[in-house]
PDB file of N, CA and C in Angstrom:
ATOM      1  N   UNK A   1      61.301  37.148  68.799  1.00  0.00           N
ATOM      2  CA  UNK A   1      59.983  38.053  68.630  1.00  0.00           C
ATOM      3  C   UNK A   1      59.969  38.250  69.880  1.00  0.00           C
ATOM      4  N   UNK A   2      58.919  36.371  69.601  1.00  0.00           N
ATOM      5  CA  UNK A   2      56.716  36.730  70.305  1.00  0.00           C
ATOM      6  C   UNK A   2      57.337  36.291  71.883  1.00  0.00           C
ATOM      7  N   UNK A   3      59.030  35.193  72.194  1.00  0.00           N
ATOM      8  CA  UNK A   3      59.037  35.633  73.516  1.00  0.00           C
ATOM      9  C   UNK A   3      59.561  36.745  74.051  1.00  0.00           C
ATOM     10  N   UNK A   4      59.734  37.819  73.716  1.00  0.00           N
ATOM     11  CA  UNK A   4      60.753  38.536  74.014  1.00  0.00           C
ATOM     12  C   UNK A   4      58.969  40.023  74.398  1.00  0.00           C
ATOM     13  N   UNK A   5      58.137  39.900  73.142  1.00  0.00           N
ATOM     14  CA  UNK A   5      57.139  40.682  73.210  1.00  0.00           C
ATOM     15  C   UNK A   5      56.725  40.708  75.082  1.00  0.00           C
ATOM     16  N   UNK A   6      56.772  39.223  75.947  1.00  0.00           N
ATOM     17  CA  UNK A   6      56.153  39.083  76.862  1.00  0.00           C
ATOM     18  C   UNK A   6      56.261  39.797  77.545  1.00  0.00           C
ATOM     19  N   UNK A   7      58.405  40.223  78.280  1.00  0.00           N
ATOM     20  CA  UNK A   7      59.413  40.519  78.591  1.00  0.00           C
ATOM     21  C   UNK A   7      58.244  41.917  78.554  1.00  0.00           C
ATOM     22  N   UNK A   8      58.528  43.017  80.619  1.00  0.00           N
ATOM     23  CA  UNK A   8      57.617  43.734  80.811  1.00  0.00           C
ATOM     24  C   UNK A   8      58.650  45.095  79.776  1.00  0.00           C
ATOM     25  N   UNK A   9      59.512  44.868  80.198  1.00  0.00           N
ATOM     26  CA  UNK A   9      60.733  45.917  80.023  1.00  0.00           C
ATOM     27  C   UNK A   9      61.211  45.919  78.160  1.00  0.00           C
ATOM     28  N   UNK A  10      60.497  45.519  77.507  1.00  0.00           N
ATOM     29  CA  UNK A  10      60.782  45.059  75.755  1.00  0.00           C
ATOM     30  C   UNK A  10      60.397  46.552  75.222  1.00  0.00           C
ATOM     31  N   UNK A  11      58.996  46.370  75.793  1.00  0.00           N
ATOM     32  CA  UNK A  11      58.439  48.403  74.737  1.00  0.00           C
ATOM     33  C   UNK A  11      59.815  49.433  75.693  1.00  0.00           C
ATOM     34  N   UNK A  12      59.643  49.114  75.951  1.00  0.00           N
ATOM     35  CA  UNK A  12      60.387  50.525  76.152  1.00  0.00           C
ATOM     36  C   UNK A  12      62.571  49.995  76.235  1.00  0.00           C
ATOM     37  N   UNK A  13      62.345  49.465  75.888  1.00  0.00           N
ATOM     38  CA  UNK A  13      64.187  48.933  75.231  1.00  0.00           C
ATOM     39  C   UNK A  13      63.433  48.966  73.642  1.00  0.00           C
ATOM     40  N   UNK A  14      62.297  48.440  73.117  1.00  0.00           N
ATOM     41  CA  UNK A  14      62.287  49.547  71.177  1.00  0.00           C
ATOM     42  C   UNK A  14      61.847  51.070  71.790  1.00  0.00           C
ATOM     43  N   UNK A  15      61.458  51.244  72.838  1.00  0.00           N
ATOM     44  CA  UNK A  15      61.123  52.625  72.168  1.00  0.00           C
ATOM     45  C   UNK A  15      62.532  53.345  72.388  1.00  0.00           C
ATOM     46  N   UNK A  16      63.500  53.189  73.150  1.00  0.00           N
ATOM     47  CA  UNK A  16      65.025  53.383  73.139  1.00  0.00           C
ATOM     48  C   UNK A  16      65.691  53.422  72.024  1.00  0.00           C
ATOM     49  N   UNK A  17      65.763  52.033  71.660  1.00  0.00           N
ATOM     50  CA  UNK A  17      66.263  51.617  69.546  1.00  0.00           C
ATOM     51  C   UNK A  17      66.171  52.412  69.272  1.00  0.00           C
ATOM     52  N   UNK A  18      65.088  53.601  68.599  1.00  0.00           N
ATOM     53  CA  UNK A  18      64.400  53.395  67.659  1.00  0.00           C
ATOM     54  C   UNK A  18      64.788  55.209  67.956  1.00  0.00           C
ATOM     55  N   UNK A  19      64.449  55.987  69.252  1.00  0.00           N
ATOM     56  CA  UNK A  19      64.191  56.758  69.150  1.00  0.00           C
ATOM     57  C   UNK A  19      66.437  57.502  69.419  1.00  0.00           C
ATOM     58  N   UNK A  20      67.365  56.037  69.580  1.00  0.00           N
ATOM     59  CA  UNK A  20      68.874  56.255  69.435  1.00  0.00           C
ATOM     60  C   UNK A  20      69.600  55.630  68.792  1.00  0.00           C
ATOM     61  N   UNK A  21      68.898  54.904  67.407  1.00  0.00           N
ATOM     62  CA  UNK A  21      69.357  54.291  66.371  1.00  0.00           C
ATOM     63  C   UNK A  21      70.326  52.975  66.833  1.00  0.00           C
ATOM     64  N   UNK A  22      70.630  52.670  67.982  1.00  0.00           N
ATOM     65  CA  UNK A  22      71.107  52.088  68.442  1.00  0.00           C
ATOM     66  C   UNK A  22      71.153  51.091  69.588  1.00  0.00           C
ATOM     67  N   UNK A  23      70.894  49.704  69.406  1.00  0.00           N
ATOM     68  CA  UNK A  23      70.425  48.417  70.655  1.00  0.00           C
ATOM     69  C   UNK A  23      71.378  48.424  71.386  1.00  0.00           C
ATOM     70  N   UNK A  24      71.043  48.064  72.503  1.00  0.00           N
ATOM     71  CA  UNK A  24      71.684  47.768  73.286  1.00  0.00           C
ATOM     72  C   UNK A  24      71.256  46.815  74.516  1.00  0.00           C
ATOM     73  N   UNK A  25      71.889  45.653  75.018  1.00  0.00           N
ATOM     74  CA  UNK A  25      71.211  44.714  75.697  1.00  0.00           C
ATOM     75  C   UNK A  25      71.029  44.748  77.475  1.00  0.00           C
ATOM     76  N   UNK A  26      70.990  45.712  77.644  1.00  0.00           N
ATOM     77  CA  UNK A  26      70.876  46.718  79.581  1.00  0.00           C
ATOM     78  C   UNK A  26      70.347  45.522  79.680  1.00  0.00           C
ATOM     79  N   UNK A  27      69.993  44.260  80.608  1.00  0.00           N
ATOM     80  CA  UNK A  27      69.341  43.468  80.929  1.00  0.00           C
ATOM     81  C   UNK A  27      70.737  42.097  81.106  1.00  0.00           C
ATOM     82  N   UNK A  28      71.463  42.182  80.174  1.00  0.00           N
ATOM     83  CA  UNK A  28      72.371  41.015  80.155  1.00  0.00           C
ATOM     84  C   UNK A  28      71.960  40.122  79.728  1.00  0.00           C
ATOM     85  N   UNK A  29      71.352  39.473  78.527  1.00  0.00           N
ATOM     86  CA  UNK A  29      70.766  38.296  78.844  1.00  0.00           C
ATOM     87  C   UNK A  29      70.945  37.951  78.033  1.00  0.00           C
ATOM     88  N   UNK A  30      71.278  36.626  77.990  1.00  0.00           N
ATOM     89  CA  UNK A  30      71.978  35.503  76.063  1.00  0.00           C
ATOM     90  C   UNK A  30      70.886  35.837  75.111  1.00  0.00           C
ATOM     91  N   UNK A  31      69.386  35.637  75.619  1.00  0.00           N
ATOM     92  CA  UNK A  31      68.185  36.435  74.412  1.00  0.00           C
ATOM     93  C   UNK A  31      67.767  37.397  74.200  1.00  0.00           C
ATOM     94  N   UNK A  32      69.430  38.923  74.434  1.00  0.00           N
ATOM     95  CA  UNK A  32      69.197  40.274  74.118  1.00  0.00           C
ATOM     96  C   UNK A  32      69.142  40.237  73.256  1.00  0.00           C
ATOM     97  N   UNK A  33      70.708  39.558  72.412  1.00  0.00           N
ATOM     98  CA  UNK A  33      70.941  40.877  71.650  1.00  0.00           C
ATOM     99  C   UNK A  33      72.397  41.314  72.417  1.00  0.00           C
ATOM    100  N   UNK A  34      73.641  41.705  70.861  1.00  0.00           N
ATOM    101  CA  UNK A  34      74.129  42.523  71.823  1.00  0.00           C
ATOM    102  C   UNK A  34      73.785  43.603  70.706  1.00  0.00           C
ATOM    103  N   UNK A  35      75.445  44.493  70.315  1.00  0.00           N
ATOM    104  CA  UNK A  35      75.138  46.029  70.940  1.00  0.00           C
ATOM    105  C   UNK A  35      74.770  45.878  69.863  1.00  0.00           C
ATOM    106  N   UNK A  36      73.936  46.751  68.616  1.00  0.00           N
ATOM    107  CA  UNK A  36      74.081  46.780  67.661  1.00  0.00           C
ATOM    108  C   UNK A  36      73.503  48.276  67.374  1.00  0.00           C
ATOM    109  N   UNK A  37      73.335  48.573  65.438  1.00  0.00           N
ATOM    110  CA  UNK A  37      73.136  50.062  65.104  1.00  0.00           C
ATOM    111  C   UNK A  37      72.203  49.991  64.216  1.00  0.00           C
ATOM    112  N   UNK A  38      71.552  50.320  64.480  1.00  0.00           N
ATOM    113  CA  UNK A  38      70.431  51.610  63.137  1.00  0.00           C
ATOM    114  C   UNK A  38      70.805  51.791  62.093  1.00  0.00           C
ATOM    115  N   UNK A  39      70.413  51.753  60.681  1.00  0.00           N
ATOM    116  CA  UNK A  39      70.975  52.667  59.527  1.00  0.00           C
ATOM    117  C   UNK A  39      69.911  52.797  58.917  1.00  0.00           C
ATOM    118  N   UNK A  40      69.090  54.099  58.220  1.00  0.00           N
ATOM    119  CA  UNK A  40      69.092  54.766  58.019  1.00  0.00           C
ATOM    120  C   UNK A  40      69.168  53.804  55.864  1.00  0.00           C
ATOM    121  N   UNK A  41      68.978  53.516  54.829  1.00  0.00           N
ATOM    122  CA  UNK A  41      68.893  53.571  53.782  1.00  0.00           C
ATOM    123  C   UNK A  41      70.309  54.299  53.522  1.00  0.00           C
ATOM    124  N   UNK A  42      69.433  55.912  53.504  1.00  0.00           N
ATOM    125  CA  UNK A  42      70.891  57.113  52.961  1.00  0.00           C
ATOM    126  C   UNK A  42      71.312  57.512  53.636  1.00  0.00           C
ATOM    127  N   UNK A  43      71.712  57.124  54.861  1.00  0.00           N
ATOM    128  CA  UNK A  43      72.225  57.334  55.945  1.00  0.00           C
ATOM    129  C   UNK A  43      74.040  56.092  55.791  1.00  0.00           C
ATOM    130  N   UNK A  44      73.572  55.192  56.153  1.00  0.00           N
ATOM    131  CA  UNK A  44      74.821  54.312  55.227  1.00  0.00           C
ATOM    132  C   UNK A  44      75.264  55.286  53.345  1.00  0.00           C
ATOM    133  N   UNK A  45      74.785  55.405  53.152  1.00  0.00           N
ATOM    134  CA  UNK A  45      75.228  55.455  51.920  1.00  0.00           C
ATOM    135  C   UNK A  45      76.683  57.219  52.012  1.00  0.00           C
ATOM    136  N   UNK A  46      75.064  58.332  53.073  1.00  0.00           N
ATOM    137  CA  UNK A  46      75.845  59.448  53.102  1.00  0.00           C
ATOM    138  C   UNK A  46      76.860  59.048  53.991  1.00  0.00           C
ATOM    139  N   UNK A  47      77.436  58.414  54.950  1.00  0.00           N
ATOM    140  CA  UNK A  47      77.943  57.769  55.580  1.00  0.00           C
ATOM    141  C   UNK A  47      79.436  57.080  54.979  1.00  0.00           C
ATOM    142  N   UNK A  48      79.222  56.265  54.178  1.00  0.00           N
ATOM    143  CA  UNK A  48      80.025  56.313  53.549  1.00  0.00           C
ATOM    144  C   UNK A  48      80.760  56.623  52.815  1.00  0.00           C
ATOM    145  N   UNK A  49      80.052  57.619  51.999  1.00  0.00           N
ATOM    146  CA  UNK A  49      80.300  58.821  51.066  1.00  0.00           C
ATOM    147  C   UNK A  49      81.831  59.741  51.772  1.00  0.00           C
ATOM    148  N   UNK A  50      81.189  59.816  53.318  1.00  0.00           N
ATOM    149  CA  UNK A  50      81.818  61.086  54.125  1.00  0.00           C
ATOM    150  C   UNK A  50      83.443  60.844  54.258  1.00  0.00           C
ATOM    151  N   UNK A  51      84.165  59.612  53.547  1.00  0.00           N
ATOM    152  CA  UNK A  51      84.980  58.894  53.867  1.00  0.00           C
ATOM    153  C   UNK A  51      85.782  59.382  52.981  1.00  0.00           C
ATOM    154  N   UNK A  52      85.331  60.317  51.596  1.00  0.00           N
ATOM    155  CA  UNK A  52      85.391  59.960  50.421  1.00  0.00           C
ATOM    156  C   UNK A  52      86.143  58.248  49.779  1.00  0.00           C
ATOM    157  N   UNK A  53      85.021  57.567  50.033  1.00  0.00           N
ATOM    158  CA  UNK A  53      84.975  56.146  49.348  1.00  0.00           C
ATOM    159  C   UNK A  53      84.066  56.645  47.987  1.00  0.00           C
ATOM    160  N   UNK A  54      84.239  55.559  47.128  1.00  0.00           N
ATOM    161  CA  UNK A  54      82.796  55.863  45.656  1.00  0.00           C
ATOM    162  C   UNK A  54      82.002  54.456  46.366  1.00  0.00           C
ATOM    163  N   UNK A  55      80.686  55.661  46.845  1.00  0.00           N
ATOM    164  CA  UNK A  55      79.565  54.252  47.360  1.00  0.00           C
ATOM    165  C   UNK A  55      79.129  53.453  45.928  1.00  0.00           C
ATOM    166  N   UNK A  56      78.610  52.355  46.888  1.00  0.00           N
ATOM    167  CA  UNK A  56      77.756  51.474  46.191  1.00  0.00           C
ATOM    168  C   UNK A  56      77.043  50.382  46.824  1.00  0.00           C
ATOM    169  N   UNK A  57      75.796  51.255  47.044  1.00  0.00           N
ATOM    170  CA  UNK A  57      74.861  50.344  47.225  1.00  0.00           C
ATOM    171  C   UNK A  57      73.832  51.686  48.042  1.00  0.00           C
ATOM    172  N   UNK A  58      73.173  51.384  49.021  1.00  0.00           N
ATOM    173  CA  UNK A  58      73.150  49.830  49.715  1.00  0.00           C
ATOM    174  C   UNK A  58      72.775  49.052  49.144  1.00  0.00           C
ATOM    175  N   UNK A  59      72.101  47.616  48.909  1.00  0.00           N
ATOM    176  CA  UNK A  59      71.765  46.795  48.868  1.00  0.00           C
ATOM    177  C   UNK A  59      71.272  45.569  50.149  1.00  0.00           C
ATOM    178  N   UNK A  60      69.936  45.175  49.898  1.00  0.00           N
ATOM    179  CA  UNK A  60      70.024  44.163  50.714  1.00  0.00           C
ATOM    180  C   UNK A  60      70.463  43.108  50.553  1.00  0.00           C
ATOM    181  N   UNK A  61      70.428  42.478  51.911  1.00  0.00           N
ATOM    182  CA  UNK A  61      71.362  40.931  51.946  1.00  0.00           C
ATOM    183  C   UNK A  61      70.107  40.047  51.865  1.00  0.00           C
ATOM    184  N   UNK A  62      69.371  39.733  52.649  1.00  0.00           N
ATOM    185  CA  UNK A  62      68.215  39.253  52.924  1.00  0.00           C
ATOM    186  C   UNK A  62      67.278  39.669  51.690  1.00  0.00           C
ATOM    187  N   UNK A  63      66.728  40.689  52.007  1.00  0.00           N
ATOM    188  CA  UNK A  63      65.278  41.274  50.615  1.00  0.00           C
ATOM    189  C   UNK A  63      64.323  40.656  50.867  1.00  0.00           C
ATOM    190  N   UNK A  64      63.606  41.122  49.653  1.00  0.00           N
ATOM    191  CA  UNK A  64      62.011  40.344  50.481  1.00  0.00           C
ATOM    192  C   UNK A  64      62.191  38.233  50.021  1.00  0.00           C
ATOM    193  N   UNK A  65      62.843  37.918  49.845  1.00  0.00           N
ATOM    194  CA  UNK A  65      63.572  36.878  50.080  1.00  0.00           C
ATOM    195  C   UNK A  65      63.042  35.729  51.280  1.00  0.00           C
ATOM    196  N   UNK A  66      63.131  36.841  52.728  1.00  0.00           N
ATOM    197  CA  UNK A  66      63.911  36.556  53.579  1.00  0.00           C
ATOM    198  C   UNK A  66      61.929  36.028  53.764  1.00  0.00           C
ATOM    199  N   UNK A  67      61.169  36.845  53.223  1.00  0.00           N
ATOM    200  CA  UNK A  67      59.759  36.574  54.306  1.00  0.00           C
ATOM    201  C   UNK A  67      58.949  35.439  53.273  1.00  0.00           C
ATOM    202  N   UNK A  68      59.648  34.882  52.199  1.00  0.00           N
ATOM    203  CA  UNK A  68      59.446  33.351  51.506  1.00  0.00           C
ATOM    204  C   UNK A  68      59.506  32.569  52.334  1.00  0.00           C
ATOM    205  N   UNK A  69      58.429  31.532  51.895  1.00  0.00           N
ATOM    206  CA  UNK A  69      59.226  30.101  52.760  1.00  0.00           C
ATOM    207  C   UNK A  69      60.070  29.579  52.561  1.00  0.00           C
ATOM    208  N   UNK A  70      60.681  28.600  52.903  1.00  0.00           N
ATOM    209  CA  UNK A  70      62.131  28.040  53.178  1.00  0.00           C
ATOM    210  C   UNK A  70      60.969  26.676  52.147  1.00  0.00           C
ATOM    211  N   UNK A  71      62.583  26.549  51.342  1.00  0.00           N
ATOM    212  CA  UNK A  71      61.763  25.266  50.179  1.00  0.00           C
ATOM    213  C   UNK A  71      62.485  24.249  50.988  1.00  0.00           C
ATOM    214  N   UNK A  72      61.634  23.090  51.407  1.00  0.00           N
ATOM    215  CA  UNK A  72      62.485  22.081  51.192  1.00  0.00           C
ATOM    216  C   UNK A  72      63.559  21.030  50.501  1.00  0.00           C
ATOM    217  N   UNK A  73      63.913  21.700  49.872  1.00  0.00           N
ATOM    218  CA  UNK A  73      65.061  21.285  48.498  1.00  0.00           C
ATOM    219  C   UNK A  73      65.006  23.430  47.719  1.00  0.00           C
ATOM    220  N   UNK A  74      66.665  23.275  48.170  1.00  0.00           N
ATOM    221  CA  UNK A  74      67.128  24.399  46.881  1.00  0.00           C
ATOM    222  C   UNK A  74      67.044  24.704  45.794  1.00  0.00           C
ATOM    223  N   UNK A  75      66.380  24.970  45.501  1.00  0.00           N
ATOM    224  CA  UNK A  75      65.852  26.188  43.691  1.00  0.00           C
ATOM    225  C   UNK A  75      66.916  25.468  43.059  1.00  0.00           C
ATOM    226  N   UNK A  76      66.919  24.514  41.841  1.00  0.00           N
ATOM    227  CA  UNK A  76      67.999  24.592  40.741  1.00  0.00           C
ATOM    228  C   UNK A  76      67.961  24.499  39.202  1.00  0.00           C
ATOM    229  N   UNK A  77      68.458  24.641  38.425  1.00  0.00           N
ATOM    230  CA  UNK A  77      68.925  25.222  37.344  1.00  0.00           C
ATOM    231  C   UNK A  77      67.675  26.524  36.839  1.00  0.00           C
ATOM    232  N   UNK A  78      66.563  26.362  35.663  1.00  0.00           N
ATOM    233  CA  UNK A  78      65.929  27.349  35.925  1.00  0.00           C
ATOM    234  C   UNK A  78      64.950  28.077  37.470  1.00  0.00           C
ATOM    235  N   UNK A  79      63.844  27.658  37.964  1.00  0.00           N
ATOM    236  CA  UNK A  79      64.044  28.114  39.652  1.00  0.00           C
ATOM    237  C   UNK A  79      64.951  28.799  38.991  1.00  0.00           C
ATOM    238  N   UNK A  80      65.704  28.617  40.033  1.00  0.00           N
ATOM    239  CA  UNK A  80      66.737  28.930  40.809  1.00  0.00           C
ATOM    240  C   UNK A  80      67.785  30.539  39.430  1.00  0.00           C
ATOM    241  N   UNK A  81      67.513  29.995  38.557  1.00  0.00           N
ATOM    242  CA  UNK A  81      67.924  31.146  38.067  1.00  0.00           C
ATOM    243  C   UNK A  81      66.551  32.693  38.550  1.00  0.00           C
ATOM    244  N   UNK A  82      65.314  32.465  38.051  1.00  0.00           N
ATOM    245  CA  UNK A  82      64.129  33.031  38.565  1.00  0.00           C
ATOM    246  C   UNK A  82      64.011  33.325  39.354  1.00  0.00           C
ATOM    247  N   UNK A  83      64.710  32.992  40.187  1.00  0.00           N
ATOM    248  CA  UNK A  83      64.603  33.113  42.065  1.00  0.00           C
ATOM    249  C   UNK A  83      65.297  34.677  41.999  1.00  0.00           C
ATOM    250  N   UNK A  84      66.474  33.640  41.187  1.00  0.00           N
ATOM    251  CA  UNK A  84      68.630  35.076  41.897  1.00  0.00           C
ATOM    252  C   UNK A  84      67.588  36.053  40.920  1.00  0.00           C
ATOM    253  N   UNK A  85      66.798  36.456  39.593  1.00  0.00           N
ATOM    254  CA  UNK A  85      66.955  37.508  39.425  1.00  0.00           C
ATOM    255  C   UNK A  85      65.826  38.207  39.427  1.00  0.00           C
ATOM    256  N   UNK A  86      64.794  37.571  40.698  1.00  0.00           N
ATOM    257  CA  UNK A  86      63.747  38.544  41.811  1.00  0.00           C
ATOM    258  C   UNK A  86      64.617  38.664  41.560  1.00  0.00           C
ATOM    259  N   UNK A  87      65.093  38.188  43.199  1.00  0.00           N
ATOM    260  CA  UNK A  87      66.623  39.053  44.134  1.00  0.00           C
ATOM    261  C   UNK A  87      67.275  40.409  43.856  1.00  0.00           C
ATOM    262  N   UNK A  88      68.466  39.856  42.675  1.00  0.00           N
ATOM    263  CA  UNK A  88      68.552  41.565  41.947  1.00  0.00           C
ATOM    264  C   UNK A  88      67.546  42.001  42.301  1.00  0.00           C
ATOM    265  N   UNK A  89      66.692  42.475  41.500  1.00  0.00           N
ATOM    266  CA  UNK A  89      66.281  43.173  40.903  1.00  0.00           C
ATOM    267  C   UNK A  89      65.169  43.719  41.624  1.00  0.00           C
ATOM    268  N   UNK A  90      64.686  42.889  42.802  1.00  0.00           N
ATOM    269  CA  UNK A  90      64.884  44.041  44.189  1.00  0.00           C
ATOM    270  C   UNK A  90      65.102  44.249  45.096  1.00  0.00           C
ATOM    271  N   UNK A  91      66.877  43.952  45.029  1.00  0.00           N
ATOM    272  CA  UNK A  91      68.085  44.565  46.409  1.00  0.00           C
ATOM    273  C   UNK A  91      67.715  45.538  46.566  1.00  0.00           C
ATOM    274  N   UNK A  92      68.266  46.923  45.625  1.00  0.00           N
ATOM    275  CA  UNK A  92      68.424  48.309  45.905  1.00  0.00           C
ATOM    276  C   UNK A  92      67.377  48.778  45.892  1.00  0.00           C
ATOM    277  N   UNK A  93      65.239  48.604  45.426  1.00  0.00           N
ATOM    278  CA  UNK A  93      64.901  49.445  45.670  1.00  0.00           C
ATOM    279  C   UNK A  93      65.267  50.125  45.967  1.00  0.00           C
ATOM    280  N   UNK A  94      64.429  51.542  46.965  1.00  0.00           N
ATOM    281  CA  UNK A  94      64.465  52.506  47.927  1.00  0.00           C
ATOM    282  C   UNK A  94      63.490  51.774  48.559  1.00  0.00           C
ATOM    283  N   UNK A  95      62.107  51.092  48.352  1.00  0.00           N
ATOM    284  CA  UNK A  95      61.265  50.645  48.810  1.00  0.00           C
ATOM    285  C   UNK A  95      61.182  49.854  49.204  1.00  0.00           C
ATOM    286  N   UNK A  96      62.210  49.655  48.660  1.00  0.00           N
ATOM    287  CA  UNK A  96      62.461  47.990  50.187  1.00  0.00           C
ATOM    288  C   UNK A  96      63.515  47.116  50.317  1.00  0.00           C
ATOM    289  N   UNK A  97      63.623  48.592  50.427  1.00  0.00           N
ATOM    290  CA  UNK A  97      64.813  47.697  51.495  1.00  0.00           C
ATOM    291  C   UNK A  97      65.415  47.536  52.772  1.00  0.00           C
ATOM    292  N   UNK A  98      63.819  48.600  53.339  1.00  0.00           N
ATOM    293  CA  UNK A  98      63.648  47.819  55.128  1.00  0.00           C
ATOM    294  C   UNK A  98      63.246  46.694  55.520  1.00  0.00           C
ATOM    295  N   UNK A  99      62.557  45.740  54.950  1.00  0.00           N
ATOM    296  CA  UNK A  99      62.116  44.922  54.895  1.00  0.00           C
ATOM    297  C   UNK A  99      63.550  43.109  54.262  1.00  0.00           C
ATOM    298  N   UNK A 100      64.080  44.259  53.827  1.00  0.00           N
ATOM    299  CA  UNK A 100      65.555  43.450  54.733  1.00  0.00           C
ATOM    300  C   UNK A 100      66.338  43.309  56.240  1.00  0.00           C
ATOM    301  N   UNK A 101      66.377  42.093  57.488  1.00  0.00           N
ATOM    302  CA  UNK A 101      67.630  42.330  58.631  1.00  0.00           C
ATOM    303  C   UNK A 101      68.735  43.069  57.949  1.00  0.00           C
ATOM    304  N   UNK A 102      69.066  42.697  56.693  1.00  0.00           N
ATOM    305  CA  UNK A 102      70.672  43.797  57.193  1.00  0.00           C
ATOM    306  C   UNK A 102      70.292  43.881  55.574  1.00  0.00           C
ATOM    307  N   UNK A 103      71.425  45.348  55.555  1.00  0.00           N
ATOM    308  CA  UNK A 103      72.186  45.721  54.022  1.00  0.00           C
ATOM    309  C   UNK A 103      73.255  46.309  53.941  1.00  0.00           C
ATOM    310  N   UNK A 104      74.513  45.992  53.323  1.00  0.00           N
ATOM    311  CA  UNK A 104      75.618  45.528  52.441  1.00  0.00           C
ATOM    312  C   UNK A 104      75.594  47.460  51.219  1.00  0.00           C
ATOM    313  N   UNK A 105      76.594  48.092  52.853  1.00  0.00           N
ATOM    314  CA  UNK A 105      77.100  49.013  51.762  1.00  0.00           C
ATOM    315  C   UNK A 105      78.924  48.608  50.999  1.00  0.00           C
ATOM    316  N   UNK A 106      79.346  49.445  49.915  1.00  0.00           N
ATOM    317  CA  UNK A 106      80.801  49.256  49.386  1.00  0.00           C
ATOM    318  C   UNK A 106      81.109  49.916  49.536  1.00  0.00           C
ATOM    319  N   UNK A 107      82.116  50.818  49.123  1.00  0.00           N
ATOM    320  CA  UNK A 107      83.259  51.880  49.489  1.00  0.00           C
ATOM    321  C   UNK A 107      84.180  51.156  48.056  1.00  0.00           C
ATOM    322  N   UNK A 108      84.456  51.936  47.410  1.00  0.00           N
ATOM    323  CA  UNK A 108      85.943  51.860  46.506  1.00  0.00           C
ATOM    324  C   UNK A 108      86.708  52.912  47.162  1.00  0.00           C
ATOM    325  N   UNK A 109      88.419  53.128  46.800  1.00  0.00           N
ATOM    326  CA  UNK A 109      88.894  54.396  46.295  1.00  0.00           C
ATOM    327  C   UNK A 109      88.078  54.800  44.738  1.00  0.00           C
ATOM    328  N   UNK A 110      88.381  56.221  44.834  1.00  0.00           N
ATOM    329  CA  UNK A 110      88.880  56.162  43.471  1.00  0.00           C
ATOM    330  C   UNK A 110      90.139  56.599  42.839  1.00  0.00           C
ATOM    331  N   UNK A 111      90.380  56.007  41.512  1.00  0.00           N
ATOM    332  CA  UNK A 111      91.189  55.650  40.964  1.00  0.00           C
ATOM    333  C   UNK A 111      91.450  56.795  39.445  1.00  0.00           C
TER     334      UNK A 111
END
């Protein structure tokens, strides 16, 4: 993203993205990313609920863990368990969902 900020049309693209909730790559540049839709957590819940499905989530895919430095080696044993406990404890907190790059909502049929 740091390189993108230097591009003259970057601020305009971001302004349109935020206003519309949809990102498009108007320049067609490979680094410009593809079409993407932005959702607020409550919008995702409502969108899935409107289909009649039972909603589970949203939950953070990366969560606040994406802000931590990457370890040289994957954690194991009790360290891994602590990391996963922390991720689970923060994956659905409404105030923390925005820290994740991606959200996941599960919709289940009611039987």
